[in-house]
Each structure stands twice: as structure tokens, then as C-alpha cells.
Protein backbone atom coordinates (compact mmCIF):
# COMPACT_ATOMS: atom_id res chain seq x y z
CA GLY A 1 8.81 11.05 1.26
CA ASN A 2 10.85 9.40 -1.44
CA LEU A 3 8.59 8.62 -4.40
CA ASN A 4 11.31 6.51 -6.02
CA ALA A 5 11.86 4.24 -3.02
CA ARG A 6 11.21 0.66 -4.10
CA ARG A 7 9.52 -1.58 -1.55
CA ASP A 8 8.32 -5.15 -1.25
CA TRP A 9 4.62 -4.44 -0.66
CA GLY A 10 2.54 -7.23 0.82
CA HIS A 11 -0.86 -7.72 2.42
CA ALA A 12 -1.09 -8.28 6.17
CA ARG A 13 -3.61 -11.09 5.58
CA ASP A 14 -0.98 -13.05 3.63
CA TYR A 15 1.72 -12.29 6.18
CA VAL A 16 -0.46 -13.46 9.07
CA GLU A 17 -1.08 -16.72 7.23
CA MET A 18 2.68 -17.13 6.88
CA MET A 19 3.17 -16.50 10.61
CA TRP A 20 0.52 -19.10 11.39
CA LEU A 21 2.32 -21.64 9.16
CA MET A 22 5.57 -20.89 10.98
CA LEU A 23 3.91 -21.60 14.32
CA GLN A 24 2.67 -24.99 13.08
CA GLN A 25 6.24 -26.29 12.67
CA GLN A 26 7.67 -28.73 15.20
CA ALA A 27 10.92 -26.80 15.51
CA PRO A 28 11.40 -23.03 15.43
CA ASP A 29 13.17 -21.59 12.42
CA ASP A 30 13.78 -18.24 10.75
CA TYR A 31 11.82 -17.21 7.67
CA VAL A 32 11.59 -14.11 5.54
CA ILE A 33 8.05 -12.94 4.93
CA ALA A 34 7.95 -11.09 1.61
CA THR A 35 6.33 -11.12 -1.81
CA GLY A 36 9.62 -11.00 -3.72
CA GLU A 37 8.22 -8.22 -5.92
CA GLN A 38 9.08 -4.54 -5.80
CA ARG A 39 7.07 -1.44 -6.59
CA SER A 40 7.93 2.18 -5.96
CA VAL A 41 5.97 4.57 -3.78
CA ARG A 42 5.22 6.39 -7.05
CA ASP A 43 3.74 3.16 -8.49
CA PHE A 44 1.52 2.88 -5.42
CA ILE A 45 0.29 6.47 -5.77
CA GLU A 46 -0.38 6.14 -9.50
CA LEU A 47 -2.33 2.91 -9.06
CA ALA A 48 -4.38 4.37 -6.22
CA ALA A 49 -5.12 7.45 -8.34
CA ARG A 50 -6.23 5.30 -11.30
CA TYR A 51 -8.66 3.55 -8.96
CA VAL A 52 -10.54 6.85 -8.71
CA ASP A 53 -10.06 7.74 -12.40
CA LEU A 54 -7.16 10.15 -11.91
CA LYS A 55 -4.00 10.24 -14.00
CA ILE A 56 -1.00 11.90 -12.42
CA SER A 57 1.53 14.04 -14.26
CA TRP A 58 4.75 14.63 -12.35
CA SER A 59 6.77 17.82 -12.26
CA GLY A 60 10.00 18.76 -10.45
CA GLN A 61 12.51 16.53 -8.72
CA GLY A 62 13.31 15.30 -5.23
CA SER A 63 11.71 17.31 -2.45
CA GLU A 64 10.34 19.75 -5.07
CA GLU A 65 8.38 17.09 -6.95
CA VAL A 66 4.62 17.46 -7.29
CA GLY A 67 1.86 15.52 -9.01
CA TYR A 68 -1.12 17.01 -10.82
CA ASP A 69 -4.23 15.21 -11.95
CA GLN A 70 -5.60 15.47 -15.49
CA HIS A 71 -7.62 18.54 -14.43
CA GLY A 72 -4.53 20.43 -13.29
CA ARG A 73 -5.24 20.01 -9.58
CA LEU A 74 -2.26 19.50 -7.28
CA ILE A 75 -2.84 16.18 -5.54
CA VAL A 76 0.66 15.03 -4.49
CA LYS A 77 3.41 17.11 -2.98
CA VAL A 78 6.66 15.69 -1.65
CA ASP A 79 7.53 16.89 1.82
CA SER A 80 11.13 16.28 2.89
CA LYS A 81 10.05 15.85 6.52
CA TYR A 82 8.74 12.43 5.48
CA TYR A 83 12.09 11.23 4.17
CA ARG A 84 13.50 8.52 6.40
CA PRO A 85 16.67 9.55 8.26
CA THR A 86 18.44 6.48 6.87
CA GLU A 87 16.63 6.17 3.55
CA VAL A 88 17.07 2.90 1.72
CA ASP A 89 16.34 3.10 -2.00
CA THR A 90 15.35 -0.53 -2.36
CA LEU A 91 13.92 -3.21 -0.08
CA LEU A 92 13.21 -6.65 -1.46
CA GLY A 93 12.65 -9.84 0.51
CA ASP A 94 13.40 -13.40 -0.53
CA ALA A 95 10.81 -15.83 0.83
CA THR A 96 12.21 -18.84 -1.06
CA LYS A 97 12.69 -20.84 2.15
CA ALA A 98 9.11 -20.16 3.28
CA ARG A 99 7.76 -21.19 -0.10
CA ALA A 100 9.82 -24.38 -0.17
CA LYS A 101 9.45 -25.52 3.45
CA LEU A 102 5.97 -24.25 4.26
CA GLY A 103 4.33 -24.13 0.85
CA TRP A 104 3.48 -20.49 1.50
CA GLN A 105 2.64 -18.19 -1.36
CA PRO A 106 1.23 -14.66 -1.12
CA LYS A 107 -2.31 -14.66 -2.50
CA THR A 108 -2.98 -10.93 -2.75
CA THR A 109 -1.41 -9.09 -5.67
CA PHE A 110 -0.16 -5.53 -5.41
CA ASN A 111 -3.09 -4.34 -7.54
CA GLN A 112 -5.60 -6.19 -5.36
CA MET A 113 -4.05 -4.77 -2.19
CA VAL A 114 -4.21 -1.19 -3.47
CA ALA A 115 -7.80 -1.68 -4.67
CA GLU A 116 -8.81 -3.05 -1.27
CA MET A 117 -7.15 -0.12 0.51
CA MET A 118 -8.84 2.39 -1.77
CA GLU A 119 -12.26 0.77 -1.38
CA THR A 120 -11.90 0.85 2.41
CA ASP A 121 -10.88 4.52 2.34
CA LEU A 122 -13.71 5.42 -0.04
CA LYS A 123 -16.24 3.64 2.16
CA ALA A 124 -14.97 5.60 5.18
CA LEU A 125 -15.14 8.84 3.19
CA ARG A 126 -18.72 8.12 2.10
CA GLY A 127 -19.61 7.49 5.75
CA GLU A 128 -17.98 10.77 6.83
CA MET A 129 -19.88 12.63 4.12
CA LEU A 130 -23.19 11.09 5.26
CA ILE A 131 -22.49 12.09 8.86
CA LYS A 132 -21.61 15.62 7.80
CA GLU A 133 -24.78 15.94 5.72
CA ASN A 134 -27.27 13.97 7.82
CA GLY A 135 -25.86 13.25 11.26
CA VAL A 136 -24.67 10.06 12.88
CA LYS A 137 -27.97 8.21 12.41
CA ALA A 138 -27.49 8.24 8.61
CA TYR A 139 -24.08 6.59 8.97
CA SER A 140 -25.56 3.74 11.00
CA ALA A 141 -28.02 3.04 8.20
CA TYR A 142 -25.18 3.14 5.67
CA GLU A 143 -23.21 0.30 7.27
């Protein structure tokens, strides 16, 4: 999809806490759940790559853009089928009301969220590799 799309990335754990705080109020009200910080899809990819010691170099533009790691391997390729039909370049929420009325503050930073996602994916990959090499019994011992 669009590598330059800027999004307000947040962790579900923080957002669920916010929903719980909303439900504790005596009267219903509307709140925006957001971090108030933006990062691009490209930022997300680069941070995830750094987590596994890869540095991406970009080449091309738009649907022709690709990313290579420091060893020259193609690791990212834009596919126009993943562009949203009504693409929005920037999404940014303002949770000022939630912060003021509920005392809510997101606790998980963008970097922490990406690291947690990568660690979860790497753990799953290690499990898949153990199964492939040693069968299901090895995976049970791994967990």
C-alpha cells in the first residue's frame, strides 16, 4: 500500500484501558481514542527492520517503490492492490478530551509497540521452524 500514509498508531492494550475508563463514567459521552502522534507506514517498516538488524534502502516511487536490505535482498515491494480505494494521506486523532476528563494517557510508545509485535512474530517463527525441523512435540517444549 501507500508507504507515505501517516497514521496515528496505538496499542490495543492502551485503547482497551481507555474504553474501560469510558464505561466507568456516570453519563455516556463521546471520546476520541488516539495517541496524537503520527508515523508513516514507511517509519513502521524501517523500525521493524531495524529490530532484526536490517537497514532498508528505498528505490522507485509510488507503486514501483521497493526496499532492499543492506545485503541487496529485496524485502519490501509496494503492491497497488493494497492501496485503499479512498486513500487518506494522514490520520491523526485528538484525545485531549479523554486526557482531561478521564486522565487517560497512552502508555505504549510507537517503538515499544513495534518491538512487541516483532518479538511476537519472531517467537511464532521460531516455533514454526522447530515444528518443521522436529515435529509438533518440539514446539510444545518450546512454549
